[in-house]
Protein backbone atom coordinates (compact mmCIF):
# COMPACT_ATOMS: atom_id res chain seq x y z
CA PHE A 1 4.87 10.27 13.14
CA PRO A 2 3.01 13.22 12.20
CA SER A 3 1.36 13.83 15.27
CA HIS A 4 1.56 12.40 18.73
CA ASP A 5 -1.98 12.87 19.08
CA THR A 6 -3.07 9.38 20.54
CA THR A 7 -6.64 10.63 20.21
CA GLY A 8 -6.53 12.33 16.61
CA ASP A 9 -7.21 11.00 13.03
CA SER A 10 -3.73 11.10 12.48
CA PHE A 11 -2.74 8.43 15.23
CA ARG A 12 -5.58 6.36 14.05
CA ARG A 13 -4.66 6.33 10.19
CA ASN A 14 -0.57 6.40 11.30
CA LEU A 15 -1.79 2.95 13.10
CA LEU A 16 -2.26 0.86 9.80
CA MET A 17 1.23 1.58 8.65
CA MET A 18 2.51 0.23 12.00
CA ALA A 19 0.25 -2.75 11.36
CA ILE A 20 1.74 -3.12 8.05
CA GLY A 21 5.33 -2.84 9.80
CA ALA A 22 4.40 -5.41 12.40
CA PHE A 23 2.88 -8.00 10.25
CA ARG A 24 -0.39 -7.88 12.17
CA ASP A 25 -2.62 -8.38 8.82
CA ASP A 26 -5.47 -9.20 11.87
CA TYR A 27 -5.89 -6.04 12.87
CA PHE A 28 -6.08 -4.61 9.30
CA GLU A 29 -10.09 -4.89 9.35
CA LEU A 30 -9.99 -3.75 13.13
CA LEU A 31 -8.59 -0.57 11.92
CA LEU A 32 -10.41 -0.04 9.37
CA GLY A 33 -13.57 -0.41 10.36
CA HIS A 34 -12.56 2.18 12.90
CA GLY A 35 -11.40 5.08 10.89
CA ALA A 36 -8.62 4.13 9.17
CA ASP A 37 -7.63 5.74 5.95
CA VAL A 38 -6.21 3.34 3.55
CA ASN A 39 -5.55 6.77 1.13
CA TRP A 40 -3.09 8.11 4.01
CA ASN A 41 -0.01 9.20 3.57
CA ILE A 42 2.89 10.89 5.40
CA ASP A 43 2.85 14.88 4.13
CA GLY A 44 6.08 15.57 2.72
CA THR A 45 8.60 12.72 2.59
CA LYS A 46 9.63 10.26 0.39
CA GLY A 47 9.13 6.33 0.66
CA LEU A 48 7.10 4.69 2.97
CA SER A 49 4.56 7.37 2.51
CA THR A 50 1.80 5.78 2.00
CA VAL A 51 -0.30 2.39 2.85
CA PRO A 52 1.18 0.56 -0.79
CA ASP A 53 3.80 1.55 -0.04
CA LYS A 54 4.74 -0.17 3.33
CA CYS A 55 3.19 -3.06 1.80
CA ILE A 56 5.70 -3.18 -1.16
CA THR A 57 8.64 -2.35 1.40
CA VAL A 58 7.97 -5.78 3.29
CA CYS A 59 7.42 -7.56 0.44
CA ARG A 60 3.63 -8.48 0.84
CA TYR A 61 1.85 -7.92 -2.51
CA ASP A 62 -1.11 -9.71 -1.54
CA TRP A 63 -1.93 -7.13 1.27
CA LEU A 64 -1.24 -4.70 -1.41
CA LEU A 65 -4.24 -6.29 -3.47
CA TYR A 66 -6.24 -5.86 -0.50
CA PHE A 67 -5.41 -2.38 -0.07
CA LEU A 68 -6.42 -1.68 -3.45
CA GLU A 69 -9.26 -3.24 -3.28
CA LYS A 70 -10.52 -1.09 -0.12
CA GLY A 71 -9.77 1.54 -1.99
CA TYR A 72 -6.49 2.62 -2.51
CA LYS A 73 -6.60 6.27 -5.15
CA GLY A 74 -3.13 7.65 -4.61
CA ASP A 75 -0.52 7.49 -7.56
CA LEU A 76 -1.53 4.50 -9.38
CA HIS A 77 1.24 4.94 -12.17
CA GLN A 78 3.79 5.64 -9.64
CA LEU A 79 2.66 2.80 -7.59
CA GLY A 80 2.52 0.78 -10.91
CA ILE A 81 6.15 2.04 -11.55
CA GLU A 82 6.79 0.51 -8.28
CA VAL A 83 5.32 -2.56 -8.04
CA LYS A 84 7.28 -3.45 -11.34
CA ASN A 85 10.05 -3.09 -10.53
CA ARG A 86 10.19 -4.96 -7.62
CA HIS A 87 11.50 -8.52 -7.58
CA VAL A 88 9.73 -10.78 -5.23
CA SER A 89 9.78 -14.13 -3.78
CA ALA A 90 7.85 -17.39 -5.62
CA ASP A 91 4.98 -16.97 -3.18
CA MET A 92 4.10 -13.13 -4.11
CA GLU A 93 5.10 -13.50 -7.26
CA PRO A 94 1.02 -14.62 -8.30
CA TYR A 95 -0.32 -11.71 -5.79
CA LYS A 96 1.68 -9.13 -7.98
CA GLN A 97 0.40 -10.22 -11.10
CA LYS A 98 -3.12 -9.84 -9.50
CA ALA A 99 -1.79 -6.46 -8.32
CA ILE A 100 -0.54 -5.50 -11.86
CA GLN A 101 -3.65 -6.38 -13.82
CA TYR A 102 -5.88 -4.11 -10.87
CA LEU A 103 -3.48 -1.07 -12.30
CA LYS A 104 -4.29 -1.91 -16.02
CA ASP A 105 -7.65 -1.97 -15.12
CA LYS A 106 -7.68 1.01 -13.42
CA GLY A 107 -5.97 2.47 -16.91
CA VAL A 108 -2.22 2.28 -16.09
CA ASP A 109 -0.45 1.25 -19.38
CA MET A 110 2.45 -1.08 -16.98
CA ASP A 111 3.70 -1.68 -20.64
CA ALA A 112 4.35 1.87 -21.18
CA ILE A 113 6.61 1.17 -17.69
CA PRO A 114 10.53 0.54 -18.39
CA VAL A 115 12.09 -1.85 -16.47
CA TYR A 116 14.88 -0.57 -14.27
């Protein structure tokens, strides 16, 4: 955790990452309504550093799309690389395709991203 202060801004934002990791989507609106930020990231870390990264890691592309639509403004090209190169279950494939379309609509050239 970036902070042990349970009253500060970092803690409220970090709770969103914790809710994703705990598969508690029922907390998303509550947390966003109380100051959680979809654009929060863990400074100086690699992997799992953003809300969308966490969604991809837990293979919840429906949640990824939700947070994109809630205003995520981070590195969309890097996110496109991650989205395009992850295999997903059949039930998440429609959400992955919607996320790809969302990124295209935001100017990410998904066709230029190589598949690894």
